[in-house]
Amino acid sequence: MHPTEEVAVPTRVIGLISGTSVDGIDTVLVEISGTELDLKVELLAGATYPYPAELRERILAVGAGLAISMAELAEIDDAIAIVFAQAAQNIQIGHQPATLIGSHGQTVYHRPPKEGAGGAGEQGSRGRGMPHSALSTPLGYSLQLGRGALIARLTAITTVSNFRVADIAIGGHGAPLVPRVDAYLLSHSQEGRCIQNIGGIGNVAYIPPRHGDWLSKIRAWDTGPGNSLLDIAVEHLSAGAKTYDEDGNWAASGTPCAPLVEQWLSQDYFHLPPPKSTGRELFGVTYLHQCLKDAQAYQLNAADVLATLTELTAASIVHSYRTFLPEMPQRVLLCGGGSRNLYLKQRLQLLMTSIPVWTTDEVGLSADFKEAIAFAVLAYWRNLGIPGNLPTATGAPQEVLLGEIQQGQS
């Protein structure tokens, strides 16, 4: 047990997160008991609440680098907190109330530390015309909007938020933060597993068989683009008629261009050793426009372009495993919105050859809501004084408590 750890009793916790795809607020109500190896989570309710259309457009614009005033930033911060609070209130309808909220918030900017994955961060920032002097700090920077203080005030429930800053403050990336939760909920005594989240950005946690010094052997990092690049492409290629490729059907009607995927995989980020993290700053609108420019030489139609971008997501995941893992996993467990993209899953299975590609649903943990569940657990751990980061995943030199606590008052 950790020195500050209290005896844990079953607790009802709400988990809230909106990913880089800005699809909506993934919201769960869970009952949590135990601490680490005996951790148990029961999903009582889960739902995704869409953003109001105007707010979603403002978030996407800010994430793409739109210059706004501090007053406008404060307005968006509050607007996000309000819809997060509404989601927290709605998920409790028909259930006993929660006593704790873990809110990841909405990421609008992420810059990795200058050392390690700084190349990815610097490229993303320079693309917006930021002066080089702004990148002189060795610390990373990550901004999540939807302030916990307002959520706590509106819901009257103690809220833990701003999870990434403590890890960043000691030199970590502040990402990925879910692997420690994955370790205790999805590890296996005999089987090495890759837990592959495909949200707006893809990230992996490699979890070796649970024996010996297994926790120190976990590795995790952002693999590259996930859904956000595909969603941006769909919106562009459909002239705004669609916002995502349902089941991957549009991509499935096209043919991937292998030389183009190979060209894109030469991008610096894919060859940086972990720990590393990235975001829409790198794999966003500017990146898509470069991809479309590259595709002109091959005279691809819209379906072919989308198939090729989907192949990039799948191929970057497999490339990442083969390049950086100590050994290939015995099973891959998918979660996040990309796990519902049947074509993407099919392509990933083909590239993984004989290694089975499942979803976390098949081992008892919701693939749709695993990330929201994870931030409920991180809030629960924070409340008990249990560290939430995994240094082998974030690159931080030590374990730290994650999240800032804002007391709810009825």
Protein backbone atom coordinates (compact mmCIF):
# COMPACT_ATOMS: atom_id res chain seq x y z
CA MET A 1 0.00 0.00 0.00
CA HIS A 2 1.09 3.56 -0.61
CA PRO A 3 1.82 5.56 2.53
CA THR A 4 -1.13 7.91 2.11
CA GLU A 5 -3.57 5.23 0.98
CA GLU A 6 -6.79 4.86 2.94
CA VAL A 7 -8.95 1.77 3.15
CA ALA A 8 -11.17 1.94 0.07
CA VAL A 9 -14.90 1.42 0.33
CA PRO A 10 -17.28 1.06 -2.64
CA THR A 11 -17.74 4.50 -4.15
CA ARG A 12 -20.04 5.79 -6.88
CA VAL A 13 -18.00 7.88 -9.28
CA ILE A 14 -18.82 9.72 -12.50
CA GLY A 15 -16.21 9.74 -15.27
CA LEU A 16 -16.25 12.45 -17.96
CA ILE A 17 -14.11 12.88 -21.08
CA SER A 18 -14.31 14.32 -24.56
CA GLY A 19 -11.52 13.20 -26.86
CA THR A 20 -9.66 14.98 -29.61
CA SER A 21 -12.38 14.05 -32.12
CA VAL A 22 -14.74 16.31 -30.11
CA ASP A 23 -17.60 13.87 -30.72
CA GLY A 24 -19.27 14.55 -27.38
CA ILE A 25 -18.94 13.91 -23.67
CA ASP A 26 -18.44 10.23 -22.84
CA THR A 27 -20.03 9.85 -19.43
CA VAL A 28 -20.17 6.92 -17.02
CA LEU A 29 -21.54 6.20 -13.59
CA VAL A 30 -19.55 3.42 -11.97
CA GLU A 31 -19.21 1.77 -8.60
CA ILE A 32 -15.58 1.24 -7.64
CA SER A 33 -14.12 -0.86 -4.86
CA GLY A 34 -10.65 -2.12 -3.93
CA THR A 35 -7.49 -0.20 -4.69
CA GLU A 36 -5.07 -1.67 -7.24
CA LEU A 37 -4.69 -5.45 -7.73
CA ASP A 38 -8.12 -5.91 -6.13
CA LEU A 39 -9.65 -3.01 -8.09
CA LYS A 40 -13.21 -3.69 -9.22
CA VAL A 41 -15.37 -1.46 -11.40
CA GLU A 42 -19.06 -1.96 -12.14
CA LEU A 43 -20.53 0.09 -14.97
CA LEU A 44 -23.96 1.29 -13.84
CA ALA A 45 -24.68 3.64 -16.75
CA GLY A 46 -22.89 5.01 -19.79
CA ALA A 47 -23.88 7.58 -22.42
CA THR A 48 -22.35 10.03 -24.87
CA TYR A 49 -23.88 13.49 -24.81
CA PRO A 50 -23.19 15.54 -27.96
CA TYR A 51 -21.93 19.08 -27.74
CA PRO A 52 -24.22 21.86 -28.96
CA ALA A 53 -23.19 22.32 -32.61
CA GLU A 54 -21.96 25.88 -32.16
CA LEU A 55 -19.79 24.95 -29.17
CA ARG A 56 -18.28 21.99 -31.02
CA GLU A 57 -17.33 24.25 -33.94
CA ARG A 58 -15.70 26.73 -31.55
CA ILE A 59 -13.71 23.95 -29.86
CA LEU A 60 -12.52 22.58 -33.20
CA ALA A 61 -11.52 26.06 -34.35
CA VAL A 62 -9.52 26.74 -31.18
CA GLY A 63 -7.87 23.33 -31.45
CA ALA A 64 -6.93 24.15 -35.05
CA GLY A 65 -5.16 27.33 -33.94
CA LEU A 66 -7.79 30.06 -34.17
CA ALA A 67 -6.58 33.18 -32.37
CA ILE A 68 -9.07 34.23 -29.67
CA SER A 69 -9.06 36.65 -26.74
CA MET A 70 -8.66 35.57 -23.13
CA ALA A 71 -12.31 36.54 -22.56
CA GLU A 72 -13.40 34.19 -25.35
CA LEU A 73 -11.21 31.42 -23.93
CA ALA A 74 -12.87 31.88 -20.54
CA GLU A 75 -16.30 31.70 -22.17
CA ILE A 76 -15.46 28.43 -23.93
CA ASP A 77 -13.92 27.03 -20.73
CA ASP A 78 -17.14 27.76 -18.84
CA ALA A 79 -19.39 26.53 -21.67
CA ILE A 80 -17.59 23.19 -21.69
CA ALA A 81 -17.81 22.92 -17.91
CA ILE A 82 -21.56 23.56 -18.08
CA VAL A 83 -22.23 20.77 -20.60
CA PHE A 84 -19.96 18.42 -18.63
CA ALA A 85 -21.93 19.23 -15.47
CA GLN A 86 -25.19 18.60 -17.32
CA ALA A 87 -23.84 15.22 -18.49
CA ALA A 88 -22.92 14.35 -14.91
CA GLN A 89 -26.41 15.22 -13.73
CA ASN A 90 -28.12 13.31 -16.55
CA ILE A 91 -26.15 10.08 -16.05
CA GLN A 92 -27.37 9.84 -12.46
CA ILE A 93 -31.07 9.86 -13.34
CA GLY A 94 -32.63 6.67 -11.98
CA HIS A 95 -29.56 5.81 -9.89
CA GLN A 96 -28.25 6.52 -6.42
CA PRO A 97 -26.17 9.72 -6.63
CA ALA A 98 -22.41 9.79 -7.05
CA THR A 99 -20.08 11.28 -4.46
CA LEU A 100 -17.15 11.98 -6.79
CA ILE A 101 -16.54 13.14 -10.37
CA GLY A 102 -13.41 12.57 -12.43
CA SER A 103 -13.41 14.98 -15.38
CA HIS A 104 -10.67 14.86 -18.00
CA GLY A 105 -12.15 17.87 -19.78
CA GLN A 106 -11.59 18.78 -23.42
CA THR A 107 -8.03 18.92 -24.76
CA VAL A 108 -7.50 21.92 -27.02
CA TYR A 109 -3.70 21.98 -27.05
CA HIS A 110 -0.92 19.52 -26.32
CA ARG A 111 2.83 20.10 -26.64
CA PRO A 112 5.18 17.30 -25.60
CA PRO A 113 8.34 18.04 -23.59
CA LYS A 114 11.16 19.49 -25.64
CA GLU A 115 13.35 16.50 -24.87
CA GLY A 116 12.17 13.09 -26.07
CA ALA A 117 9.15 13.80 -28.25
CA GLY A 118 9.85 17.50 -28.63
CA GLY A 119 10.19 17.12 -32.40
CA ALA A 120 6.50 16.37 -32.71
CA GLY A 121 5.57 19.24 -30.44
CA GLU A 122 7.83 21.74 -32.14
CA GLN A 123 6.58 20.84 -35.58
CA GLY A 124 2.97 21.28 -34.50
CA SER A 125 3.67 24.64 -32.86
CA ARG A 126 5.84 26.04 -35.64
CA GLY A 127 3.03 25.19 -38.05
CA ARG A 128 1.03 27.87 -36.26
CA GLY A 129 3.82 30.42 -36.46
CA MET A 130 4.80 30.29 -32.80
CA PRO A 131 8.20 31.85 -32.04
CA HIS A 132 10.98 29.42 -31.24
CA SER A 133 11.55 31.13 -27.88
CA ALA A 134 8.16 29.82 -26.76
CA LEU A 135 9.59 26.31 -26.98
CA SER A 136 12.70 26.87 -24.86
CA THR A 137 11.18 25.30 -21.73
CA PRO A 138 11.97 21.61 -21.22
CA LEU A 139 8.47 21.03 -19.82
CA GLY A 140 5.54 20.02 -21.96
CA TYR A 141 2.20 21.79 -21.94
CA SER A 142 -1.32 20.42 -22.15
CA LEU A 143 -4.54 22.40 -21.87
CA GLN A 144 -7.88 20.81 -21.04
CA LEU A 145 -10.92 23.08 -20.86
CA GLY A 146 -14.03 22.57 -18.72
CA ARG A 147 -12.86 23.76 -15.33
CA GLY A 148 -13.47 21.44 -12.43
CA ALA A 149 -14.40 24.24 -10.01
CA LEU A 150 -17.49 25.09 -12.05
CA ILE A 151 -18.47 21.43 -12.47
CA ALA A 152 -18.19 20.98 -8.68
CA ARG A 153 -20.27 24.11 -8.09
CA LEU A 154 -23.03 23.15 -10.54
CA THR A 155 -23.30 19.51 -9.47
CA ALA A 156 -22.49 19.93 -5.76
CA ILE A 157 -20.21 16.90 -6.18
CA THR A 158 -16.49 16.89 -5.37
CA THR A 159 -14.67 17.00 -8.72
CA VAL A 160 -11.16 15.95 -9.66
CA SER A 161 -9.85 17.53 -12.88
CA ASN A 162 -6.68 18.82 -14.55
CA PHE A 163 -5.11 15.36 -14.37
CA ARG A 164 -2.14 15.94 -16.67
CA VAL A 165 -0.32 18.85 -15.04
CA ALA A 166 1.28 17.01 -12.10
CA ASP A 167 3.00 14.52 -14.42
CA ILE A 168 4.06 17.31 -16.79
CA ALA A 169 5.45 19.37 -13.89
CA ILE A 170 8.06 16.70 -13.12
CA GLY A 171 9.07 16.25 -16.76
CA GLY A 172 6.55 13.72 -18.05
CA HIS A 173 4.31 14.01 -21.10
CA GLY A 174 1.12 13.97 -19.06
CA ALA A 175 0.04 11.26 -21.50
CA PRO A 176 -0.99 8.57 -21.82
CA LEU A 177 -2.58 8.43 -18.36
CA VAL A 178 -4.83 5.39 -18.77
CA PRO A 179 -2.18 2.58 -18.77
CA ARG A 180 -2.07 2.24 -14.98
CA VAL A 181 -5.82 1.67 -14.98
CA ASP A 182 -5.48 -0.77 -17.89
CA ALA A 183 -2.84 -2.66 -15.93
CA TYR A 184 -5.19 -3.43 -13.07
CA LEU A 185 -8.36 -4.00 -15.10
CA LEU A 186 -7.10 -5.72 -18.25
CA SER A 187 -3.87 -7.57 -17.43
CA HIS A 188 -3.66 -11.36 -17.66
CA SER A 189 -1.60 -13.82 -15.66
CA GLN A 190 -0.17 -15.59 -18.72
CA GLU A 191 -0.87 -13.39 -21.74
CA GLY A 192 0.92 -10.28 -22.95
CA ARG A 193 -1.62 -7.77 -24.25
CA CYS A 194 -1.71 -4.49 -26.14
CA ILE A 195 -4.60 -2.27 -25.11
CA GLN A 196 -5.06 -0.09 -28.19
CA ASN A 197 -7.26 2.95 -27.81
CA ILE A 198 -8.31 4.50 -31.10
CA GLY A 199 -9.79 7.85 -30.18
CA GLY A 200 -8.92 11.03 -32.00
CA ILE A 201 -5.31 9.94 -31.50
CA GLY A 202 -4.24 6.31 -31.17
CA ASN A 203 -2.43 5.18 -28.04
CA VAL A 204 -1.21 1.81 -26.83
CA ALA A 205 -0.45 0.22 -23.47
CA TYR A 206 1.63 -2.95 -23.66
CA ILE A 207 0.95 -5.05 -20.57
CA PRO A 208 3.13 -8.14 -20.06
CA PRO A 209 1.87 -11.23 -18.22
CA ARG A 210 1.08 -10.41 -14.60
CA HIS A 211 3.96 -11.99 -12.71
CA GLY A 212 7.31 -10.90 -11.37
CA ASP A 213 8.14 -7.23 -11.86
CA TRP A 214 5.43 -6.88 -14.50
CA LEU A 215 4.30 -3.33 -13.67
CA SER A 216 7.72 -1.86 -14.43
CA LYS A 217 7.70 -3.57 -17.85
CA ILE A 218 4.55 -1.86 -19.07
CA ARG A 219 5.16 0.44 -22.01
CA ALA A 220 2.74 3.00 -23.44
CA TRP A 221 2.74 5.85 -25.94
CA ASP A 222 0.69 7.60 -28.62
CA THR A 223 0.92 5.59 -31.83
CA GLY A 224 -0.22 8.43 -34.10
CA PRO A 225 -3.45 9.39 -35.86
CA GLY A 226 -6.71 7.73 -34.88
CA ASN A 227 -10.19 8.99 -35.68
CA SER A 228 -9.61 12.74 -35.81
CA LEU A 229 -7.65 12.67 -39.08
CA LEU A 230 -10.28 10.38 -40.62
CA ASP A 231 -13.11 12.61 -39.40
CA ILE A 232 -11.45 15.74 -40.79
CA ALA A 233 -10.98 13.94 -44.11
CA VAL A 234 -14.61 12.75 -44.24
CA GLU A 235 -15.90 16.26 -43.57
CA HIS A 236 -13.59 17.67 -46.26
CA LEU A 237 -14.28 14.97 -48.87
CA SER A 238 -18.05 15.12 -48.33
CA ALA A 239 -18.11 18.93 -48.38
CA GLY A 240 -19.52 18.92 -44.86
CA ALA A 241 -22.29 16.41 -45.53
CA LYS A 242 -20.74 13.85 -43.17
CA THR A 243 -18.67 14.12 -39.99
CA TYR A 244 -17.42 10.51 -39.78
CA ASP A 245 -17.24 7.29 -41.79
CA GLU A 246 -19.89 5.03 -40.24
CA ASP A 247 -18.50 1.49 -39.79
CA GLY A 248 -15.72 2.48 -42.21
CA ASN A 249 -18.07 1.79 -45.11
CA TRP A 250 -16.84 4.65 -47.30
CA ALA A 251 -13.20 3.68 -46.84
CA ALA A 252 -14.08 0.02 -47.45
CA SER A 253 -15.35 0.96 -50.93
CA GLY A 254 -11.91 2.29 -51.85
CA THR A 255 -8.44 0.81 -52.29
CA PRO A 256 -5.48 1.80 -50.08
CA CYS A 257 -2.44 3.18 -51.88
CA ALA A 258 0.50 1.27 -50.38
CA PRO A 259 3.30 3.57 -51.67
CA LEU A 260 1.53 6.57 -50.14
CA VAL A 261 1.19 4.84 -46.75
CA GLU A 262 4.88 3.98 -46.86
CA GLN A 263 5.71 7.61 -47.68
CA TRP A 264 3.60 8.90 -44.78
CA LEU A 265 5.14 6.41 -42.36
CA SER A 266 8.53 8.07 -42.96
CA GLN A 267 7.24 11.08 -40.98
CA ASP A 268 9.47 11.86 -37.99
CA TYR A 269 6.93 11.16 -35.27
CA PHE A 270 6.58 7.48 -36.16
CA HIS A 271 10.31 6.97 -35.62
CA LEU A 272 10.68 8.80 -32.31
CA PRO A 273 11.26 6.32 -29.47
CA PRO A 274 8.74 6.25 -26.60
CA PRO A 275 7.76 7.83 -24.33
CA LYS A 276 6.04 10.12 -26.78
CA SER A 277 2.72 11.88 -27.21
CA THR A 278 1.00 13.86 -29.93
CA GLY A 279 -2.31 15.46 -30.91
CA ARG A 280 -4.22 17.41 -33.52
CA GLU A 281 -1.36 19.94 -33.46
CA LEU A 282 0.53 17.45 -35.63
CA PHE A 283 -2.15 15.16 -37.10
CA GLY A 284 -4.76 17.79 -37.90
CA VAL A 285 -6.02 19.96 -40.74
CA THR A 286 -2.57 21.02 -41.98
CA TYR A 287 -1.43 17.39 -42.01
CA LEU A 288 -4.53 16.36 -43.99
CA HIS A 289 -3.92 19.03 -46.60
CA GLN A 290 -0.38 17.73 -47.07
CA CYS A 291 -1.76 14.18 -47.39
CA LEU A 292 -4.24 15.33 -50.04
CA LYS A 293 -1.45 17.08 -51.91
CA ASP A 294 0.65 13.90 -51.80
CA ALA A 295 -2.31 11.86 -53.06
CA GLN A 296 -2.68 13.95 -56.23
CA ALA A 297 0.23 12.11 -57.84
CA TYR A 298 -1.71 8.84 -57.61
CA GLN A 299 -5.04 10.18 -58.99
CA LEU A 300 -7.05 8.69 -56.13
CA ASN A 301 -10.79 9.15 -55.77
CA ALA A 302 -12.35 10.14 -52.44
CA ALA A 303 -12.92 6.54 -51.29
CA ASP A 304 -9.32 5.63 -52.13
CA VAL A 305 -8.02 8.62 -50.15
CA LEU A 306 -10.10 7.63 -47.14
CA ALA A 307 -9.02 3.99 -47.45
CA THR A 308 -5.39 5.11 -47.56
CA LEU A 309 -5.76 7.33 -44.50
CA THR A 310 -7.47 4.45 -42.67
CA GLU A 311 -4.58 2.23 -43.67
CA LEU A 312 -2.17 4.79 -42.22
CA THR A 313 -3.88 4.52 -38.83
CA ALA A 314 -3.72 0.71 -38.92
CA ALA A 315 -0.18 0.58 -40.34
CA SER A 316 1.17 3.15 -37.86
CA ILE A 317 -0.15 1.02 -34.99
CA VAL A 318 1.52 -2.15 -36.29
CA HIS A 319 4.73 -0.28 -37.18
CA SER A 320 4.81 1.09 -33.64
CA TYR A 321 4.48 -2.39 -32.12
CA ARG A 322 7.14 -3.95 -34.32
CA THR A 323 9.57 -1.08 -33.79
CA PHE A 324 9.25 -0.34 -30.08
CA LEU A 325 7.79 -3.32 -28.21
CA PRO A 326 10.12 -5.77 -26.45
CA GLU A 327 8.00 -8.51 -28.00
CA MET A 328 4.76 -8.71 -29.93
CA PRO A 329 1.61 -9.20 -27.83
CA GLN A 330 -0.40 -12.38 -27.74
CA ARG A 331 -3.62 -10.39 -28.06
CA VAL A 332 -4.72 -6.87 -29.02
CA LEU A 333 -7.73 -5.34 -27.27
CA LEU A 334 -9.29 -2.33 -29.01
CA CYS A 335 -11.31 0.43 -27.38
CA GLY A 336 -12.48 3.92 -28.26
CA GLY A 337 -14.58 5.04 -31.21
CA GLY A 338 -12.20 3.46 -33.70
CA SER A 339 -13.01 0.02 -32.34
CA ARG A 340 -16.44 0.46 -34.01
CA ASN A 341 -14.86 1.16 -37.41
CA LEU A 342 -15.26 -2.32 -38.87
CA TYR A 343 -13.04 -1.64 -41.87
CA LEU A 344 -10.24 -0.26 -39.69
CA LYS A 345 -10.48 -3.27 -37.40
CA GLN A 346 -10.39 -5.59 -40.41
CA ARG A 347 -7.28 -3.90 -41.81
CA LEU A 348 -5.58 -3.98 -38.41
CA GLN A 349 -6.32 -7.69 -38.04
CA LEU A 350 -4.90 -8.34 -41.51
CA LEU A 351 -1.67 -6.49 -40.67
CA MET A 352 -1.38 -8.22 -37.26
CA THR A 353 -1.60 -11.60 -39.09
CA SER A 354 -2.12 -14.38 -36.53
CA ILE A 355 -2.39 -12.17 -33.43
CA PRO A 356 -6.10 -11.90 -32.50
CA VAL A 357 -7.59 -8.41 -32.49
CA TRP A 358 -10.54 -8.17 -30.09
CA THR A 359 -12.30 -5.33 -28.33
CA THR A 360 -12.22 -4.81 -24.57
CA ASP A 361 -15.95 -5.69 -24.61
CA GLU A 362 -14.90 -9.29 -25.15
CA VAL A 363 -13.00 -9.34 -21.84
CA GLY A 364 -15.67 -7.52 -19.84
CA LEU A 365 -14.79 -3.81 -20.08
CA SER A 366 -16.81 -1.43 -22.25
CA ALA A 367 -14.86 -0.43 -25.36
CA ASP A 368 -17.04 2.64 -25.84
CA PHE A 369 -16.58 3.98 -22.32
CA LYS A 370 -13.21 2.63 -21.17
CA GLU A 371 -11.56 6.06 -21.22
CA ALA A 372 -14.36 7.63 -19.16
CA ILE A 373 -14.16 4.70 -16.74
CA ALA A 374 -10.41 5.26 -16.46
CA PHE A 375 -10.82 8.88 -15.36
CA ALA A 376 -13.40 7.82 -12.80
CA VAL A 377 -10.77 5.42 -11.43
CA LEU A 378 -8.06 8.11 -11.51
CA ALA A 379 -10.33 10.43 -9.50
CA TYR A 380 -11.03 7.60 -7.04
CA TRP A 381 -7.29 6.97 -6.66
CA ARG A 382 -6.61 10.68 -6.21
CA ASN A 383 -9.17 10.81 -3.44
CA LEU A 384 -7.42 7.89 -1.71
CA GLY A 385 -3.93 9.31 -2.18
CA ILE A 386 -2.87 6.66 -4.71
CA PRO A 387 -0.60 7.77 -7.61
CA GLY A 388 -2.22 7.56 -11.04
CA ASN A 389 0.62 7.91 -13.53
CA LEU A 390 2.92 5.18 -14.79
CA PRO A 391 6.45 6.56 -15.30
CA THR A 392 7.27 3.97 -18.00
CA ALA A 393 4.31 5.36 -19.98
CA THR A 394 4.60 9.12 -19.49
CA GLY A 395 8.37 9.42 -19.11
CA ALA A 396 8.04 11.04 -15.67
CA PRO A 397 10.81 10.18 -13.19
CA GLN A 398 8.42 9.05 -10.46
CA GLU A 399 4.84 8.31 -9.51
CA VAL A 400 2.67 11.29 -8.54
CA LEU A 401 -0.88 12.01 -7.46
CA LEU A 402 -2.90 13.13 -10.47
CA GLY A 403 -5.66 15.72 -10.49
CA GLU A 404 -6.78 18.80 -8.62
CA ILE A 405 -9.66 18.40 -6.15
CA GLN A 406 -12.51 20.90 -6.00
CA GLN A 407 -14.94 20.26 -3.17
CA GLY A 408 -18.62 20.08 -4.02
CA GLN A 409 -21.01 21.95 -1.76
CA SER A 410 -24.71 21.22 -1.54
